[in-house]
Amino acid sequence: MKQLQKLRVKIDTIDKQILKLLNKRAELAKKIGKLKFLIGQTIYSPEREKEIIQRLIKLNKGPLDESDIKEIYTTIIHICRHQQKKFIIAYLGPEGTFTHLAALDAFGNKNIYIAKETIGDVFYSVTKDEAEFGVVPVENTTEGIVTHTLDMFLECNLYICGEVNMKISHCLVSKENTISNIKYVYSNPQAIAQCKNYISMKLANAKICEVSSTAEAAKIVANKKNSAAIASEVTAKIYRLNILDKNIQDIEDNYTRFIIIGKHKVARSGHDKTSIMFSLKDRVGILHDALSPFKRYGINLTKIESRPSKQRPWEYVFFVDFVGHINDKNVKKAISELEKLCVNYKFLGSYPRAE
């Protein structure tokens, strides 16, 4: 007991030191916020936040592991950022959607969050300065790209400021106590598609009802008998629903990538991704020629998608993600060559890569 007490005294001493240093860090963060305001610089600096965490992970000697360091310092950064400013953030709602959880992951819980009914509404909210940032889903590892998000970049002049990768675990939630009572299943089309095998095996006779989001589905079934929603465990708690089954998605490693949209460009962090969109002249082999500079300058393409331009029939816009920052020398050279082949070219943003 004496040895235990000695160790506890040491911990109390360390905690006192940590508390003093945390408050000192918060004071410095306040000063930085005031300086940024004076020089017209944005408070949100994802590249700096990424650099801090990566540097501390390299310095770490254990026994804390990499994920511990990331979790601790993400929380510290969120709290210190709040000392500088409280942000207004729009997200695809209602409360409890996976997009809401992604927004909280990126910005912390001490901000003002505005739930929007559609992805388009999130874009318009940022465009009209109702919100400073928006968070929307862009792709899922099971069901692929969220086309509405890509299409909104054709309408709005916003930048991608960051990304969040989130593991998606779906639950079957309801006011009912057993699956046998379920006659209606509500969720958004992506979630339904991600759980199609489960639905066919356990809910083959239920009517499938598509709604705008998983949280909207939970909100509906909270007031409806013989109904269930495919939604998150968090949403079940918000709407006081029973969890009838967990992890009902067809693929265990089911991830969704969310992007943060805003009006400012992000500086280089050293661990970046860039997104662009472009349309090409009409001739044989031009897509091959457009992508060749990326290989020539050693740039790794991580995604390419095409969408109708909505201007002329059979004309397409290509969306490309690649590793690197727009200010990297090799990226500048590749983009310079690409632009010569484009009818239209648009830079969507360089931002720190999510883990």
Protein backbone atom coordinates (compact mmCIF):
# COMPACT_ATOMS: atom_id res chain seq x y z
CA MET A 1 0.00 0.00 0.00
CA LYS A 2 2.88 2.39 0.74
CA GLN A 3 4.35 1.74 -2.73
CA LEU A 4 0.93 2.31 -4.33
CA GLN A 5 0.54 5.60 -2.43
CA LYS A 6 3.99 6.76 -3.56
CA LEU A 7 3.09 6.07 -7.19
CA ARG A 8 -0.19 7.96 -6.83
CA VAL A 9 1.62 10.96 -5.38
CA LYS A 10 3.91 10.93 -8.43
CA ILE A 11 0.88 10.83 -10.76
CA ASP A 12 -0.74 13.72 -8.87
CA THR A 13 2.45 15.76 -9.30
CA ILE A 14 2.59 14.98 -13.04
CA ASP A 15 -1.12 15.83 -13.46
CA LYS A 16 -0.50 19.20 -11.81
CA GLN A 17 2.32 19.88 -14.28
CA ILE A 18 0.18 18.74 -17.24
CA LEU A 19 -2.68 21.01 -16.15
CA LYS A 20 -0.37 24.01 -15.87
CA LEU A 21 1.12 23.31 -19.32
CA LEU A 22 -2.30 22.78 -20.93
CA ASN A 23 -3.47 26.17 -19.68
CA LYS A 24 -0.23 27.73 -20.90
CA ARG A 25 -0.82 26.15 -24.32
CA ALA A 26 -4.39 27.51 -24.37
CA GLU A 27 -3.11 31.03 -23.58
CA LEU A 28 -0.63 30.81 -26.47
CA ALA A 29 -3.43 29.58 -28.75
CA LYS A 30 -5.47 32.67 -27.81
CA LYS A 31 -2.56 34.94 -28.72
CA ILE A 32 -2.13 33.15 -32.06
CA GLY A 33 -5.85 33.59 -32.75
CA LYS A 34 -5.59 37.36 -32.16
CA LEU A 35 -2.55 37.62 -34.44
CA LYS A 36 -4.30 35.63 -37.18
CA PHE A 37 -7.27 37.97 -36.95
CA LEU A 38 -5.03 41.04 -37.28
CA ILE A 39 -3.25 39.71 -40.39
CA GLY A 40 -6.44 38.29 -41.94
CA GLN A 41 -5.41 34.65 -41.67
CA THR A 42 -7.97 31.86 -41.13
CA ILE A 43 -8.10 30.21 -37.72
CA TYR A 44 -8.62 26.70 -39.11
CA SER A 45 -5.20 25.34 -40.18
CA PRO A 46 -5.54 21.60 -40.85
CA GLU A 47 -2.03 21.47 -42.30
CA ARG A 48 -0.55 22.80 -39.03
CA GLU A 49 -2.68 20.42 -36.95
CA LYS A 50 -1.52 17.49 -39.08
CA GLU A 51 2.11 18.57 -38.74
CA ILE A 52 1.83 18.77 -34.91
CA ILE A 53 0.41 15.27 -34.56
CA GLN A 54 2.85 13.69 -37.05
CA ARG A 55 5.82 15.31 -35.29
CA LEU A 56 4.69 14.08 -31.87
CA ILE A 57 4.12 10.57 -33.18
CA LYS A 58 7.73 10.52 -34.40
CA LEU A 59 8.99 11.82 -31.02
CA ASN A 60 6.93 9.32 -29.03
CA LYS A 61 8.96 6.62 -27.22
CA GLY A 62 6.02 4.75 -25.63
CA PRO A 63 4.34 3.10 -23.84
CA LEU A 64 1.59 5.18 -25.53
CA ASP A 65 1.08 4.05 -29.11
CA GLU A 66 0.45 6.11 -32.25
CA SER A 67 -3.36 6.00 -31.90
CA ASP A 68 -3.11 7.17 -28.27
CA ILE A 69 -1.02 10.19 -29.25
CA LYS A 70 -3.41 11.05 -32.07
CA GLU A 71 -6.48 10.79 -29.81
CA ILE A 72 -4.98 12.86 -27.00
CA TYR A 73 -3.61 15.65 -29.20
CA THR A 74 -6.66 15.82 -31.46
CA THR A 75 -8.70 16.65 -28.35
CA ILE A 76 -6.12 19.18 -27.14
CA ILE A 77 -6.03 20.86 -30.58
CA HIS A 78 -9.86 21.04 -30.74
CA ILE A 79 -10.03 22.68 -27.30
CA CYS A 80 -7.22 25.14 -28.04
CA ARG A 81 -8.79 26.02 -31.41
CA HIS A 82 -12.01 26.80 -29.55
CA GLN A 83 -10.03 29.33 -27.48
CA GLN A 84 -9.47 31.18 -30.75
CA LYS A 85 -12.90 30.91 -32.33
CA LYS A 86 -16.20 29.01 -32.35
CA PHE A 87 -17.00 27.89 -35.92
CA ILE A 88 -20.36 27.55 -37.64
CA ILE A 89 -20.40 24.24 -39.49
CA ALA A 90 -23.10 22.90 -41.82
CA TYR A 91 -23.53 19.16 -42.25
CA LEU A 92 -25.90 16.67 -43.85
CA GLY A 93 -28.45 16.17 -41.07
CA PRO A 94 -30.42 15.63 -39.01
CA GLU A 95 -28.51 15.25 -35.75
CA GLY A 96 -26.84 11.87 -35.41
CA THR A 97 -25.99 11.17 -39.05
CA PHE A 98 -22.57 9.73 -39.84
CA THR A 99 -21.81 13.10 -41.44
CA HIS A 100 -22.59 14.78 -38.11
CA LEU A 101 -20.19 12.38 -36.38
CA ALA A 102 -17.53 13.14 -39.02
CA ALA A 103 -17.98 16.88 -38.43
CA LEU A 104 -17.51 16.39 -34.68
CA ASP A 105 -14.42 14.29 -35.38
CA ALA A 106 -12.92 17.09 -37.49
CA PHE A 107 -13.89 20.12 -35.40
CA GLY A 108 -14.75 18.93 -31.88
CA ASN A 109 -17.99 19.50 -30.00
CA LYS A 110 -17.55 23.16 -28.97
CA ASN A 111 -18.85 24.69 -32.20
CA ILE A 112 -22.20 25.65 -33.73
CA TYR A 113 -23.53 22.87 -35.96
CA ILE A 114 -26.29 23.44 -38.51
CA ALA A 115 -28.10 20.37 -39.86
CA LYS A 116 -29.09 20.56 -43.55
CA GLU A 117 -31.57 18.39 -45.44
CA THR A 118 -29.45 17.83 -48.56
CA ILE A 119 -25.83 17.86 -49.70
CA GLY A 120 -26.69 20.79 -51.95
CA ASP A 121 -27.98 22.75 -48.94
CA VAL A 122 -24.61 22.25 -47.19
CA PHE A 123 -22.77 23.69 -50.22
CA TYR A 124 -25.16 26.63 -50.51
CA SER A 125 -24.87 27.34 -46.77
CA VAL A 126 -21.08 27.78 -47.09
CA THR A 127 -21.37 29.67 -50.38
CA LYS A 128 -23.78 32.19 -48.82
CA ASP A 129 -21.64 32.54 -45.64
CA GLU A 130 -24.32 31.07 -43.39
CA ALA A 131 -21.64 28.58 -42.33
CA GLU A 132 -17.84 28.81 -42.48
CA PHE A 133 -17.35 25.14 -43.30
CA GLY A 134 -19.46 22.25 -44.50
CA VAL A 135 -19.08 18.49 -44.11
CA VAL A 136 -20.46 16.06 -46.72
CA PRO A 137 -19.90 12.41 -47.69
CA VAL A 138 -18.00 11.85 -50.94
CA GLU A 139 -17.44 8.08 -51.24
CA ASN A 140 -17.96 4.72 -49.57
CA THR A 141 -15.76 1.65 -49.85
CA THR A 142 -18.81 -0.57 -50.50
CA GLU A 143 -21.07 1.56 -52.69
CA GLY A 144 -18.59 3.95 -54.30
CA ILE A 145 -18.89 7.63 -55.07
CA VAL A 146 -21.59 10.01 -53.78
CA THR A 147 -22.47 11.61 -57.11
CA HIS A 148 -24.43 14.53 -55.65
CA THR A 149 -21.30 15.78 -53.85
CA LEU A 150 -19.23 15.76 -57.06
CA ASP A 151 -21.99 17.45 -59.02
CA MET A 152 -22.15 20.32 -56.51
CA PHE A 153 -18.56 21.28 -57.39
CA LEU A 154 -19.87 22.06 -60.89
CA GLU A 155 -22.14 24.71 -59.33
CA CYS A 156 -20.19 26.08 -56.36
CA ASN A 157 -16.73 27.64 -56.14
CA LEU A 158 -15.62 26.06 -52.89
CA TYR A 159 -12.42 24.28 -51.85
CA ILE A 160 -11.86 20.98 -50.10
CA CYS A 161 -10.08 21.87 -46.84
CA GLY A 162 -9.79 18.41 -45.32
CA GLU A 163 -11.09 14.87 -45.20
CA VAL A 164 -12.26 12.36 -42.59
CA ASN A 165 -12.29 8.58 -43.06
CA MET A 166 -14.84 6.91 -40.80
CA LYS A 167 -15.63 3.25 -40.30
CA ILE A 168 -19.37 2.79 -40.79
CA SER A 169 -21.12 0.29 -38.55
CA HIS A 170 -24.86 -0.02 -39.15
CA CYS A 171 -27.44 -1.14 -36.61
CA LEU A 172 -31.08 -2.15 -36.95
CA VAL A 173 -32.94 0.12 -34.51
CA SER A 174 -36.61 0.29 -33.58
CA LYS A 175 -39.25 0.91 -30.90
CA GLU A 176 -40.07 -2.78 -31.27
CA ASN A 177 -38.27 -5.45 -29.27
CA THR A 178 -37.96 -8.18 -31.91
CA ILE A 179 -37.11 -8.32 -35.62
CA SER A 180 -40.21 -10.46 -36.29
CA ASN A 181 -42.41 -7.39 -35.67
CA ILE A 182 -40.74 -5.32 -38.39
CA LYS A 183 -42.85 -4.61 -41.51
CA TYR A 184 -41.08 -1.43 -42.70
CA VAL A 185 -37.37 -0.60 -42.91
CA TYR A 186 -36.25 3.02 -43.33
CA SER A 187 -32.83 4.35 -44.29
CA ASN A 188 -30.98 6.27 -46.97
CA PRO A 189 -30.18 4.48 -50.27
CA GLN A 190 -26.45 4.09 -49.49
CA ALA A 191 -27.07 2.44 -46.11
CA ILE A 192 -29.72 0.15 -47.59
CA ALA A 193 -27.31 -0.92 -50.34
CA GLN A 194 -24.56 -1.54 -47.77
CA CYS A 195 -26.88 -3.93 -45.86
CA LYS A 196 -28.66 -5.65 -48.76
CA ASN A 197 -27.56 -9.19 -47.79
CA TYR A 198 -28.77 -8.74 -44.23
CA ILE A 199 -32.09 -7.33 -45.45
CA SER A 200 -32.66 -10.24 -47.85
CA MET A 201 -31.94 -12.81 -45.11
CA LYS A 202 -33.59 -11.24 -42.05
CA LEU A 203 -36.14 -8.77 -43.47
CA ALA A 204 -37.19 -10.29 -46.77
CA ASN A 205 -40.89 -9.50 -46.25
CA ALA A 206 -40.41 -5.94 -45.00
CA LYS A 207 -41.10 -2.94 -47.20
CA ILE A 208 -37.97 -0.86 -47.83
CA CYS A 209 -38.51 2.90 -47.54
CA GLU A 210 -35.78 5.29 -48.71
CA VAL A 211 -35.25 8.59 -46.88
CA SER A 212 -32.60 11.32 -46.95
CA SER A 213 -30.37 10.03 -44.12
CA THR A 214 -29.94 7.33 -41.49
CA ALA A 215 -30.78 9.84 -38.75
CA GLU A 216 -33.96 10.88 -40.57
CA ALA A 217 -34.88 7.18 -40.70
CA ALA A 218 -34.39 6.87 -36.91
CA LYS A 219 -36.46 10.02 -36.36
CA ILE A 220 -39.33 8.52 -38.38
CA VAL A 221 -39.39 5.10 -36.69
CA ALA A 222 -39.26 6.72 -33.24
CA ASN A 223 -42.95 7.52 -33.83
CA LYS A 224 -43.96 4.56 -35.97
CA LYS A 225 -44.98 1.00 -35.02
CA ASN A 226 -43.68 -2.14 -36.75
CA SER A 227 -40.83 -0.13 -38.23
CA ALA A 228 -37.07 -0.19 -38.01
CA ALA A 229 -34.25 2.05 -39.24
CA ILE A 230 -30.77 1.24 -40.44
CA ALA A 231 -28.72 3.77 -38.48
CA SER A 232 -25.82 4.23 -36.09
CA GLU A 233 -25.66 3.24 -32.44
CA VAL A 234 -25.34 6.94 -31.56
CA THR A 235 -28.55 7.72 -33.44
CA ALA A 236 -30.37 4.98 -31.53
CA LYS A 237 -29.42 6.71 -28.27
CA ILE A 238 -30.49 10.14 -29.53
CA TYR A 239 -33.97 8.91 -30.54
CA ARG A 240 -34.28 6.38 -27.69
CA LEU A 241 -34.61 3.32 -29.89
CA ASN A 242 -33.83 -0.32 -29.18
CA ILE A 243 -30.90 -1.87 -30.99
CA LEU A 244 -32.23 -5.09 -32.52
CA ASP A 245 -28.98 -6.04 -34.24
CA LYS A 246 -25.47 -4.60 -34.65
CA ASN A 247 -22.89 -4.61 -37.49
CA ILE A 248 -25.47 -5.50 -40.13
CA GLN A 249 -23.44 -4.10 -43.06
CA ASP A 250 -22.45 -6.72 -45.65
CA ILE A 251 -18.74 -5.90 -45.52
CA GLU A 252 -16.95 -5.55 -42.18
CA ASP A 253 -14.40 -2.99 -43.41
CA ASN A 254 -17.02 -0.48 -44.52
CA TYR A 255 -15.64 3.07 -44.60
CA THR A 256 -17.02 6.40 -45.78
CA ARG A 257 -14.83 9.33 -46.74
CA PHE A 258 -16.16 12.75 -45.81
CA ILE A 259 -14.78 16.06 -47.04
CA ILE A 260 -14.66 19.47 -45.38
CA ILE A 261 -15.58 22.31 -47.74
CA GLY A 262 -14.82 25.99 -47.28
CA LYS A 263 -13.72 29.19 -49.00
CA HIS A 264 -9.99 29.12 -48.32
CA LYS A 265 -7.05 27.12 -49.64
CA VAL A 266 -4.93 25.01 -47.29
CA ALA A 267 -1.15 25.26 -47.03
CA ARG A 268 1.21 22.33 -47.49
CA SER A 269 1.50 19.80 -44.61
CA GLY A 270 3.84 17.29 -46.26
CA HIS A 271 1.18 14.55 -46.14
CA ASP A 272 -1.28 15.95 -48.66
CA LYS A 273 -3.85 14.98 -51.24
CA THR A 274 -5.10 17.16 -54.11
CA SER A 275 -8.45 17.09 -55.91
CA ILE A 276 -9.09 18.59 -59.35
CA MET A 277 -11.78 18.46 -62.03
CA PHE A 278 -11.46 18.97 -65.78
CA SER A 279 -13.11 18.38 -69.15
CA LEU A 280 -11.13 17.53 -72.28
CA LYS A 281 -11.11 18.27 -75.97
CA ASP A 282 -12.78 15.59 -78.09
CA ARG A 283 -10.16 13.44 -79.83
CA VAL A 284 -8.90 9.87 -79.76
CA GLY A 285 -6.53 9.06 -76.89
CA ILE A 286 -6.87 12.38 -75.11
CA LEU A 287 -7.67 10.89 -71.68
CA HIS A 288 -4.49 8.80 -71.93
CA ASP A 289 -2.52 11.93 -72.82
CA ALA A 290 -4.14 13.87 -69.96
CA LEU A 291 -3.13 11.30 -67.37
CA SER A 292 0.38 10.65 -68.71
CA PRO A 293 1.99 13.68 -66.97
CA PHE A 294 1.05 12.22 -63.58
CA LYS A 295 3.04 9.07 -64.35
CA ARG A 296 5.88 11.06 -65.88
CA TYR A 297 6.31 13.15 -62.72
CA GLY A 298 5.82 10.27 -60.27
CA ILE A 299 2.41 11.31 -58.95
CA ASN A 300 0.15 8.61 -57.52
CA LEU A 301 -3.49 8.91 -58.66
CA THR A 302 -5.85 7.64 -55.94
CA LYS A 303 -9.19 8.15 -57.71
CA ILE A 304 -10.67 9.09 -61.07
CA GLU A 305 -14.41 9.50 -61.68
CA SER A 306 -16.41 10.89 -64.57
CA ARG A 307 -19.72 12.76 -64.38
CA PRO A 308 -21.95 14.25 -67.11
CA SER A 309 -21.07 17.92 -67.63
CA LYS A 310 -24.81 18.83 -67.76
CA GLN A 311 -23.97 21.29 -70.54
CA ARG A 312 -23.92 19.13 -73.68
CA PRO A 313 -24.97 15.50 -74.33
CA TRP A 314 -22.15 12.93 -73.94
CA GLU A 315 -19.71 15.50 -72.56
CA TYR A 316 -18.05 14.49 -69.30
CA VAL A 317 -16.16 16.07 -66.44
CA PHE A 318 -13.37 14.07 -64.79
CA PHE A 319 -12.71 14.24 -61.04
CA VAL A 320 -9.22 13.19 -59.99
CA ASP A 321 -7.56 12.77 -56.59
CA PHE A 322 -3.81 12.34 -56.28
CA VAL A 323 -1.08 12.32 -53.63
CA GLY A 324 0.73 15.64 -53.27
CA HIS A 325 0.09 19.37 -52.84
CA ILE A 326 -0.68 21.82 -55.63
CA ASN A 327 2.50 23.76 -54.70
CA ASP A 328 4.81 20.72 -55.07
CA LYS A 329 7.18 21.16 -58.03
CA ASN A 330 6.25 17.89 -59.73
CA VAL A 331 2.53 18.62 -59.31
CA LYS A 332 2.93 22.08 -60.87
CA LYS A 333 4.63 20.54 -63.91
CA ALA A 334 1.96 17.85 -64.34
CA ILE A 335 -0.92 20.32 -64.02
CA SER A 336 0.74 22.71 -66.49
CA GLU A 337 0.81 19.95 -69.12
CA LEU A 338 -2.72 18.79 -68.29
CA GLU A 339 -4.25 22.27 -68.63
CA LYS A 340 -3.08 22.50 -72.27
CA LEU A 341 -5.45 19.62 -73.11
CA CYS A 342 -8.45 20.89 -71.14
CA VAL A 343 -11.58 22.71 -72.22
CA ASN A 344 -12.14 23.48 -68.53
CA TYR A 345 -9.93 22.93 -65.49
CA LYS A 346 -10.74 23.59 -61.82
CA PHE A 347 -8.62 23.17 -58.71
CA LEU A 348 -10.77 21.76 -55.88
CA GLY A 349 -8.22 21.80 -53.10
CA SER A 350 -5.04 20.44 -51.53
CA TYR A 351 -5.47 19.20 -47.97
CA PRO A 352 -3.93 16.82 -45.39
CA ARG A 353 -4.57 13.15 -46.13
CA ALA A 354 -6.73 11.30 -43.61
CA GLU A 355 -5.23 8.24 -41.95
